[in-house]
C-alpha cells in the first residue's frame, strides 16, 4: 500500500473502504453547494421580525438583522431594491420582509436577500409620512410664525400643476369667473411618478424667479395615496418653505393631507377652493363699489346743500363784515407805525453803542492806567504828592510814592543820578 499524506492519512484510521465511499469537500465547494440547496429550497419567503443592527452603507446597500424573542436572521437589501422604499428602516421597527435565503460563501454566513420590506401593522406610505413629518416638524418648517398672509387682491397668480389635469381647468375657471383681471402664470409640472417631487420643487423655484407674482398655488386633483405621494417628499416641503412668495397647497380632495399642506402658508382642501381663496369675488366687489359710490355722491350733495345754506345766512352780514374789516385795518395802522418807530430807535441806539465802544477803546489806549499796565509806574514826591518827571527833582533822603498798575509802595531815595551817570 502506498504512503498517504494529508487527508489521506485519515483513511488509515477509519478505514480506506469508508473513505472511498464518501466525498471530501473543500470549504468553498461545501458553501457553494449549501447555497445552491438553500436558494433552491427557499427562493422566496416572508419573514416577520424586528430590525436590529441597521446599517445603511455608503455603497447604498442596507444591512440589518431580523429578530424575534429567541433568534435572529441576518439580512441584506441591495441598493437596487431599497431605492424604492418610501420609508427609512430603523432599529426596533417591526417589519415584514420578502426575499430568498442564501449563503454568503466567503464568510459562510446564512442570510436573507430581501427584495421587499414593509412595516408590520402600518402601511409603508403612512410610516414614511410620519417619519418625514417628525423630521421637518423638529426643524420648525411647520411653525405658525413662519406662515405669511395671503394677499387680498393679487394681480398675478403662479400655478404649479399638470397642464392637462382637472386641477388647472378648475383653477382657471374659478379665477376667470371671480377676478378676470388676475394674470395666471402656469408652470407645467409633473405631479406623480418617478421624478415628480423634484419637478414640483423646481417649479416653485422657477415661479419665484419669474417675478410679478403675488401668490402661488401648488397642487393637483385627487388620486390614490401613491399618486399624491410626490407632495409628501422632503424636497417639495423645503421648496415650499423657502419660497419668497406665499404658497397655497391644494392637493387632492378635502380628506387628503400631505406634507406640502403643512409646509405651505395656507392649505386649501381642493384646487377650486384655492382659486376662491386667492381671488376676491368680482361681482361682490362691484356691488360694494357701487354702494360706496352712491354713499359718497349723496354725502357730497348734502354737504353742498348745507354749505349753500350757511353761505346765504352770511350774506346779510357781508357789508357789516367789510366795514369791520376796514376799521380793523385803520386800528392796525398806529400799531404798524409804532413798530417801525421802535425798530428805527433800536437801530440808532445800536449804532450809538458801537461808536461809544470805539471811543472807549481809543481812550483806553491813551489812559495812564493802560501805560502802567505795560510795566511803567507813576512817581510822586511826598508829602505834597507832586509828580516827579526828572531825577534832578529829588535829593537823597526824600520819600516818594510809586504807583503801579495794581497797588503802590513808599520808597526812600538813597542816591540821585543824572542821565549821563546812569549805568549802561
Protein backbone atom coordinates (compact mmCIF):
# COMPACT_ATOMS: atom_id res chain seq x y z
CA UNK A 1 0.00 0.00 0.00
CA UNK A 2 1.30 3.47 -0.91
CA UNK A 3 2.16 6.02 1.78
CA UNK A 4 -0.65 8.55 2.26
CA UNK A 5 -0.35 12.15 3.48
CA UNK A 6 -2.75 14.94 4.48
CA UNK A 7 -6.40 13.99 4.30
CA UNK A 8 -5.49 10.52 3.08
CA UNK A 9 -3.85 9.79 6.46
CA UNK A 10 -7.32 9.80 7.99
CA UNK A 11 -8.28 6.90 5.79
CA UNK A 12 -5.77 4.72 7.59
CA UNK A 13 -7.60 5.32 10.88
CA UNK A 14 -11.21 4.93 9.81
CA UNK A 15 -10.64 2.52 7.04
CA UNK A 16 -9.96 3.03 3.38
CA UNK A 17 -13.20 1.42 2.30
CA UNK A 18 -15.28 4.00 4.19
CA UNK A 19 -13.36 7.00 2.83
CA UNK A 20 -13.70 5.77 -0.69
CA UNK A 21 -17.47 5.75 -0.22
CA UNK A 22 -17.64 9.44 0.99
CA UNK A 23 -16.88 12.66 -0.90
CA UNK A 24 -14.49 15.14 0.70
CA UNK A 25 -15.43 18.82 0.11
CA UNK A 26 -13.34 21.92 0.23
CA UNK A 27 -14.86 24.76 2.24
CA UNK A 28 -15.67 26.72 -0.91
CA UNK A 29 -17.30 23.70 -2.52
CA UNK A 30 -19.41 22.97 0.52
CA UNK A 31 -20.55 26.60 0.90
CA UNK A 32 -21.39 26.74 -2.78
CA UNK A 33 -23.42 23.51 -2.68
CA UNK A 34 -25.24 24.54 0.51
CA UNK A 35 -26.00 27.92 -1.03
CA UNK A 36 -27.48 26.28 -4.11
CA UNK A 37 -29.54 23.94 -1.93
CA UNK A 38 -30.85 26.77 0.30
CA UNK A 39 -31.64 29.09 -2.59
CA UNK A 40 -33.47 26.29 -4.42
CA UNK A 41 -35.46 25.30 -1.33
CA UNK A 42 -36.34 28.87 -0.18
CA UNK A 43 -36.40 31.06 -3.31
CA UNK A 44 -38.94 33.47 -1.80
CA UNK A 45 -40.32 33.60 1.73
CA UNK A 46 -41.96 36.16 4.02
CA UNK A 47 -40.34 36.73 7.41
CA UNK A 48 -41.70 38.86 10.23
CA UNK A 49 -39.35 40.35 12.77
CA UNK A 50 -37.81 43.40 14.39
CA UNK A 51 -34.95 45.30 12.76
CA UNK A 52 -31.66 45.34 14.69
CA UNK A 53 -28.06 46.37 13.91
CA UNK A 54 -29.24 48.53 10.99
CA UNK A 55 -26.50 50.00 8.76
CA UNK A 56 -27.06 51.95 5.54
CA UNK A 57 -23.70 51.54 3.84
CA UNK A 58 -22.10 54.21 1.64
CA UNK A 59 -22.47 51.75 -1.25
CA UNK A 60 -26.23 52.15 -0.93
CA UNK A 61 -26.82 48.61 0.41
CA UNK A 62 -28.70 48.11 3.70
CA UNK A 63 -27.50 45.56 6.26
CA UNK A 64 -29.52 44.56 9.33
CA UNK A 65 -30.85 41.60 11.32
CA UNK A 66 -34.40 40.38 11.72
CA UNK A 67 -35.03 39.03 15.20
CA UNK A 68 -37.75 37.79 17.49
CA UNK A 69 -37.69 36.70 21.15
CA UNK A 70 -35.33 33.73 20.63
CA UNK A 71 -33.49 34.01 17.30
CA UNK A 72 -32.23 36.35 14.63
CA UNK A 73 -31.58 36.22 10.89
CA UNK A 74 -29.07 38.34 9.01
CA UNK A 75 -30.46 40.24 6.05
CA UNK A 76 -29.25 42.44 3.24
CA UNK A 77 -31.24 44.69 0.91
CA UNK A 78 -29.26 45.81 -2.09
CA UNK A 79 -29.32 49.33 -3.46
CA UNK A 80 -31.44 48.48 -6.49
CA UNK A 81 -34.28 47.29 -4.24
CA UNK A 82 -34.10 49.73 -1.33
CA UNK A 83 -34.25 52.75 -3.65
CA UNK A 84 -37.98 52.05 -3.95
CA UNK A 85 -38.56 52.27 -0.20
CA UNK A 86 -40.83 55.10 0.87
CA UNK A 87 -39.65 54.96 4.50
CA UNK A 88 -36.30 54.75 6.24
CA UNK A 89 -35.69 51.47 8.14
CA UNK A 90 -34.63 51.95 11.75
CA UNK A 91 -33.74 49.78 14.72
CA UNK A 92 -36.73 48.48 16.64
CA UNK A 93 -39.11 48.76 13.68
CA UNK A 94 -41.40 45.72 13.29
CA UNK A 95 -41.43 44.73 9.60
CA UNK A 96 -42.43 42.11 7.07
CA UNK A 97 -39.60 41.14 4.71
CA UNK A 98 -39.81 39.17 1.49
CA UNK A 99 -36.82 37.56 -0.13
CA UNK A 100 -34.81 34.43 -0.69
CA UNK A 101 -32.43 32.63 1.65
CA UNK A 102 -28.79 32.32 0.67
CA UNK A 103 -25.28 31.66 1.96
CA UNK A 104 -22.55 34.27 1.75
CA UNK A 105 -19.81 31.92 0.51
CA UNK A 106 -16.81 33.97 1.56
CA UNK A 107 -17.87 34.07 5.23
CA UNK A 108 -20.15 31.06 5.29
CA UNK A 109 -22.93 33.28 6.66
CA UNK A 110 -26.56 32.34 6.42
CA UNK A 111 -28.59 35.37 5.33
CA UNK A 112 -31.73 36.59 3.62
CA UNK A 113 -31.58 38.61 0.40
CA UNK A 114 -34.54 40.97 0.81
CA UNK A 115 -36.32 42.47 -2.19
CA UNK A 116 -39.39 43.89 -0.44
CA UNK A 117 -39.72 45.45 3.01
CA UNK A 118 -42.82 46.93 4.60
CA UNK A 119 -43.85 47.86 8.13
CA UNK A 120 -45.95 45.34 10.00
CA UNK A 121 -49.35 46.68 11.07
CA UNK A 122 -48.95 50.04 9.20
CA UNK A 123 -48.50 50.88 5.55
CA UNK A 124 -45.10 51.94 4.29
CA UNK A 125 -46.52 55.20 2.95
CA UNK A 126 -48.07 56.03 6.31
CA UNK A 127 -44.81 55.26 8.10
CA UNK A 128 -42.83 57.36 5.62
CA UNK A 129 -45.31 60.22 6.10
CA UNK A 130 -44.83 60.01 9.88
CA UNK A 131 -41.04 59.94 9.59
CA UNK A 132 -40.84 62.94 7.25
CA UNK A 133 -43.36 64.87 9.31
CA UNK A 134 -41.44 64.32 12.56
CA UNK A 135 -38.16 65.33 10.94
CA UNK A 136 -39.41 68.55 9.35
CA UNK A 137 -41.52 69.48 12.36
CA UNK A 138 -38.41 69.25 14.54
CA UNK A 139 -36.67 71.66 12.16
CA UNK A 140 -39.50 74.19 12.51
CA UNK A 141 -40.80 74.06 8.92
CA UNK A 142 -44.41 73.88 10.13
CA UNK A 143 -44.24 76.58 12.83
CA UNK A 144 -47.11 79.11 12.63
CA UNK A 145 -44.78 82.10 12.96
CA UNK A 146 -43.37 81.28 9.50
CA UNK A 147 -46.80 81.44 7.84
CA UNK A 148 -47.31 84.53 5.67
CA UNK A 149 -50.69 86.15 4.94
CA UNK A 150 -52.25 85.60 1.54
CA UNK A 151 -52.71 88.95 -0.31
CA UNK A 152 -56.35 90.04 -0.53
CA UNK A 153 -56.13 91.46 -4.06
CA UNK A 154 -53.39 89.67 -6.03
CA UNK A 155 -52.73 90.71 -9.61
CA UNK A 156 -50.51 87.75 -10.55
CA UNK A 157 -51.03 84.09 -9.55
CA UNK A 158 -48.44 81.39 -10.28
CA UNK A 159 -49.61 77.77 -10.58
CA UNK A 160 -47.51 74.60 -10.42
CA UNK A 161 -49.59 71.67 -11.61
CA UNK A 162 -50.17 69.40 -14.59
CA UNK A 163 -51.22 71.29 -17.74
CA UNK A 164 -53.64 68.51 -18.70
CA UNK A 165 -55.25 67.70 -15.35
CA UNK A 166 -58.62 68.76 -13.99
CA UNK A 167 -56.94 70.98 -11.38
CA UNK A 168 -55.74 73.62 -13.84
CA UNK A 169 -59.12 73.73 -15.59
CA UNK A 170 -60.90 74.26 -12.27
CA UNK A 171 -58.48 76.96 -11.14
CA UNK A 172 -58.65 78.89 -14.42
CA UNK A 173 -62.46 78.69 -14.46
CA UNK A 174 -62.85 79.96 -10.90
CA UNK A 175 -60.33 82.79 -11.25
CA UNK A 176 -61.81 83.84 -14.60
CA UNK A 177 -65.28 83.99 -13.09
CA UNK A 178 -64.35 85.76 -9.86
CA UNK A 179 -61.46 88.02 -10.90
CA UNK A 180 -60.89 88.15 -14.67
CA UNK A 181 -58.25 90.89 -14.27
CA UNK A 182 -55.84 88.49 -12.49
CA UNK A 183 -52.93 87.24 -14.61
CA UNK A 184 -52.34 83.47 -14.40
CA UNK A 185 -48.85 82.02 -14.96
CA UNK A 186 -48.75 78.22 -15.34
CA UNK A 187 -45.56 76.25 -14.94
CA UNK A 188 -46.37 72.78 -16.40
CA UNK A 189 -45.35 70.29 -13.73
CA UNK A 190 -45.14 66.53 -13.34
CA UNK A 191 -47.30 65.71 -10.32
CA UNK A 192 -46.88 61.92 -9.97
CA UNK A 193 -44.44 59.17 -10.74
CA UNK A 194 -40.66 58.99 -10.74
CA UNK A 195 -39.06 62.44 -10.58
CA UNK A 196 -42.31 64.26 -9.81
CA UNK A 197 -41.13 65.59 -6.44
CA UNK A 198 -38.01 67.13 -7.93
CA UNK A 199 -40.02 68.74 -10.73
CA UNK A 200 -42.52 70.25 -8.27
CA UNK A 201 -39.68 71.72 -6.21
CA UNK A 202 -38.08 73.11 -9.38
CA UNK A 203 -41.42 74.63 -10.43
CA UNK A 204 -41.73 76.51 -7.13
CA UNK A 205 -38.23 77.94 -7.52
CA UNK A 206 -38.82 78.97 -11.13
CA UNK A 207 -42.08 80.73 -10.29
CA UNK A 208 -40.23 82.66 -7.59
CA UNK A 209 -37.69 83.75 -10.19
CA UNK A 210 -40.40 84.71 -12.71
CA UNK A 211 -41.39 87.89 -10.86
CA UNK A 212 -44.64 89.90 -10.78
CA UNK A 213 -46.44 87.14 -8.88
CA UNK A 214 -48.25 87.74 -5.60
CA UNK A 215 -49.16 84.17 -4.62
CA UNK A 216 -48.50 80.58 -5.76
CA UNK A 217 -50.86 77.60 -5.95
CA UNK A 218 -49.13 74.20 -5.81
CA UNK A 219 -51.24 71.08 -6.17
CA UNK A 220 -53.17 68.60 -8.25
CA UNK A 221 -56.51 66.80 -8.39
CA UNK A 222 -57.48 63.70 -6.47
CA UNK A 223 -55.87 60.28 -6.67
CA UNK A 224 -54.60 57.37 -4.64
CA UNK A 225 -52.10 57.77 -1.83
CA UNK A 226 -49.41 56.58 -4.22
CA UNK A 227 -50.47 59.17 -6.83
CA UNK A 228 -50.30 62.02 -4.30
CA UNK A 229 -47.05 60.88 -2.73
CA UNK A 230 -44.81 63.37 -4.57
CA UNK A 231 -46.31 66.15 -2.41
CA UNK A 232 -45.10 64.29 0.70
CA UNK A 233 -41.46 64.32 -0.35
CA UNK A 234 -38.99 66.35 1.71
CA UNK A 235 -37.66 68.24 -1.31
CA UNK A 236 -41.14 69.63 -2.05
CA UNK A 237 -41.71 70.70 1.55
CA UNK A 238 -38.39 72.55 1.66
CA UNK A 239 -39.02 74.38 -1.62
CA UNK A 240 -42.46 75.49 -0.39
CA UNK A 241 -40.99 76.65 2.93
CA UNK A 242 -38.16 78.56 1.23
CA UNK A 243 -40.45 80.28 -1.30
CA UNK A 244 -40.33 84.08 -1.07
CA UNK A 245 -43.90 84.23 -2.43
CA UNK A 246 -46.79 82.99 -0.23
CA UNK A 247 -47.82 79.44 -1.21
CA UNK A 248 -51.24 77.77 -1.11
CA UNK A 249 -51.12 73.97 -1.15
CA UNK A 250 -54.12 72.35 -2.88
CA UNK A 251 -53.61 68.61 -3.22
CA UNK A 252 -56.38 66.09 -3.91
CA UNK A 253 -59.67 66.27 -2.07
CA UNK A 254 -60.63 67.58 1.36
CA UNK A 255 -59.79 64.29 3.11
CA UNK A 256 -56.27 64.18 1.61
CA UNK A 257 -53.49 65.65 3.72
CA UNK A 258 -49.86 65.98 2.58
CA UNK A 259 -46.56 67.30 3.89
CA UNK A 260 -46.76 70.22 1.46
CA UNK A 261 -50.03 71.24 3.16
CA UNK A 262 -48.14 71.54 6.45
CA UNK A 263 -45.24 73.50 4.96
CA UNK A 264 -47.38 75.91 2.91
CA UNK A 265 -48.64 79.26 4.15
CA UNK A 266 -52.23 78.06 3.62
CA UNK A 267 -53.86 74.72 2.88
CA UNK A 268 -56.86 74.58 0.54
CA UNK A 269 -58.99 71.41 0.51
CA UNK A 270 -59.18 71.40 -3.32
CA UNK A 271 -57.67 73.31 -6.26
CA UNK A 272 -61.03 75.05 -6.80
CA UNK A 273 -61.08 76.16 -3.18
CA UNK A 274 -57.55 77.52 -3.58
CA UNK A 275 -58.69 79.63 -6.54
CA UNK A 276 -61.58 81.01 -4.49
CA UNK A 277 -59.31 81.82 -1.55
CA UNK A 278 -56.73 83.58 -3.66
CA UNK A 279 -59.12 85.87 -5.57
CA UNK A 280 -61.86 88.22 -4.41
CA UNK A 281 -65.38 87.90 -5.78
CA UNK A 282 -65.50 90.44 -8.62
CA UNK A 283 -69.31 90.62 -8.62
CA UNK A 284 -69.39 91.35 -4.89
CA UNK A 285 -66.63 93.95 -5.32
CA UNK A 286 -68.68 95.74 -7.99
CA UNK A 287 -71.70 95.81 -5.69
CA UNK A 288 -69.59 97.18 -2.82
CA UNK A 289 -68.03 99.83 -5.05
CA UNK A 290 -71.42 100.90 -6.39
CA UNK A 291 -72.79 101.16 -2.86
CA UNK A 292 -69.81 103.21 -1.67
CA UNK A 293 -70.04 105.45 -4.73
CA UNK A 294 -73.71 106.12 -4.02
CA UNK A 295 -72.94 106.98 -0.41
CA UNK A 296 -70.11 109.28 -1.49
CA UNK A 297 -72.25 111.16 -4.01
CA UNK A 298 -75.08 111.51 -1.51
CA UNK A 299 -72.67 112.82 1.14
CA UNK A 300 -71.19 115.38 -1.24
CA UNK A 301 -74.62 116.65 -2.25
CA UNK A 302 -75.72 117.00 1.37
CA UNK A 303 -72.54 118.86 2.19
CA UNK A 304 -73.00 121.25 -0.73
CA UNK A 305 -76.58 121.89 0.34
CA UNK A 306 -75.54 122.72 3.89
CA UNK A 307 -72.72 124.94 2.63
CA UNK A 308 -75.14 126.87 0.44
CA UNK A 309 -77.47 127.48 3.38
CA UNK A 310 -74.59 128.67 5.54
CA UNK A 311 -73.33 130.94 2.77
CA UNK A 312 -76.75 132.55 2.37
CA UNK A 313 -77.02 133.13 6.11
CA UNK A 314 -73.76 135.09 5.98
CA UNK A 315 -74.93 137.23 3.03
CA UNK A 316 -76.66 139.77 5.25
CA UNK A 317 -73.57 140.16 7.35
CA UNK A 318 -71.21 140.74 4.47
CA UNK A 319 -71.42 144.58 4.41
CA UNK A 320 -71.06 144.84 8.16
CA UNK A 321 -68.15 142.48 7.95
CA UNK A 322 -66.43 144.62 5.32
CA UNK A 323 -66.93 147.76 7.49
CA UNK A 324 -65.48 145.95 10.49
CA UNK A 325 -62.55 144.82 8.38
CA UNK A 326 -61.88 148.47 7.32
CA UNK A 327 -61.94 149.66 10.91
CA UNK A 328 -59.65 146.85 11.87
CA UNK A 329 -57.14 147.88 9.23
CA UNK A 330 -57.26 151.51 10.45
CA UNK A 331 -56.68 150.33 14.00
CA UNK A 332 -53.70 148.34 12.85
CA UNK A 333 -52.06 151.42 11.27
CA UNK A 334 -50.90 153.07 14.59
CA UNK A 335 -49.51 149.75 15.72
CA UNK A 336 -47.59 149.44 12.48
CA UNK A 337 -46.16 153.00 12.82
CA UNK A 338 -45.21 152.33 16.44
CA UNK A 339 -43.41 149.17 15.45
CA UNK A 340 -41.49 151.00 12.73
CA UNK A 341 -40.51 153.76 15.25
CA UNK A 342 -39.32 151.19 17.77
CA UNK A 343 -37.23 149.46 15.10
CA UNK A 344 -35.62 152.76 13.98
CA UNK A 345 -34.86 153.86 17.55
CA UNK A 346 -33.38 150.48 18.30
CA UNK A 347 -31.22 150.67 15.18
CA UNK A 348 -29.99 154.20 16.14
CA UNK A 349 -29.17 153.05 19.66
CA UNK A 350 -27.25 150.13 18.28
CA UNK A 351 -25.15 152.45 16.09
CA UNK A 352 -24.53 154.80 19.05
CA UNK A 353 -23.42 151.89 21.19
CA UNK A 354 -20.96 150.82 18.51
CA UNK A 355 -19.50 154.37 18.24
CA UNK A 356 -19.28 154.66 22.03
CA UNK A 357 -17.43 151.34 22.20
CA UNK A 358 -14.93 152.54 19.60
CA UNK A 359 -14.26 155.81 21.51
CA UNK A 360 -13.85 153.91 24.78
CA UNK A 361 -11.27 151.70 23.13
CA UNK A 362 -9.33 154.75 21.88
CA UNK A 363 -9.45 156.44 25.31
CA UNK A 364 -8.30 153.27 26.97
CA UNK A 365 -5.30 153.22 24.65
CA UNK A 366 -4.06 156.62 25.97
CA UNK A 367 -5.08 156.09 29.60
CA UNK A 368 -2.27 156.29 32.21
CA UNK A 369 -3.58 153.08 33.65
CA UNK A 370 -3.03 151.40 30.32
CA UNK A 371 0.60 152.71 30.38
CA UNK A 372 1.07 151.34 33.88
CA UNK A 373 -0.24 148.02 32.63
CA UNK A 374 2.73 147.83 30.24
CA UNK A 375 5.25 147.86 33.17
CA UNK A 376 5.70 151.61 33.93
CA UNK A 377 4.98 153.34 37.27
CA UNK A 378 3.92 156.83 38.44
CA UNK A 379 6.30 158.60 40.90
CA UNK A 380 5.06 161.24 43.38
CA UNK A 381 7.16 163.11 45.92
CA UNK A 382 5.91 163.08 49.47
CA UNK A 383 4.37 164.78 51.22
CA UNK A 384 2.98 167.06 48.53
CA UNK A 385 2.29 164.29 46.03
CA UNK A 386 3.97 166.25 43.25
CA UNK A 387 4.56 164.21 40.15
CA UNK A 388 8.27 163.56 39.61
CA UNK A 389 9.30 163.69 35.99
CA UNK A 390 13.13 164.14 36.39
CA UNK A 391 15.64 162.66 38.77
CA UNK A 392 17.01 166.14 39.47
CA UNK A 393 13.76 166.97 41.31
CA UNK A 394 14.80 164.57 44.08
CA UNK A 395 17.53 164.63 46.74
CA UNK A 396 18.88 161.87 48.96
CA UNK A 397 16.54 161.21 51.85
CA UNK A 398 13.33 162.20 50.04
CA UNK A 399 10.38 159.87 50.30
CA UNK A 400 8.47 159.01 47.16
CA UNK A 401 5.23 157.13 46.36
CA UNK A 402 5.42 154.68 43.46
CA UNK A 403 2.04 153.83 41.83
CA UNK A 404 1.93 150.60 39.81
CA UNK A 405 -0.83 149.15 37.59
CA UNK A 406 -2.01 147.29 40.63
CA UNK A 407 -1.10 148.74 44.04
CA UNK A 408 1.50 151.29 45.30
CA UNK A 409 4.54 151.50 47.59
CA UNK A 410 6.52 154.17 49.56
CA UNK A 411 10.29 154.32 48.98
CA UNK A 412 13.24 156.41 50.34
CA UNK A 413 15.74 157.94 47.90
CA UNK A 414 19.30 156.96 48.71
CA UNK A 415 21.10 158.42 45.71
CA UNK A 416 20.24 160.70 42.77
CA UNK A 417 22.00 160.30 39.41
CA UNK A 418 21.83 162.35 36.26
CA UNK A 419 21.01 160.64 32.98
CA UNK A 420 24.68 160.89 31.99
CA UNK A 421 25.67 158.95 35.13
CA UNK A 422 23.16 156.15 34.68
CA UNK A 423 24.73 152.74 34.37
CA UNK A 424 24.68 151.30 30.89
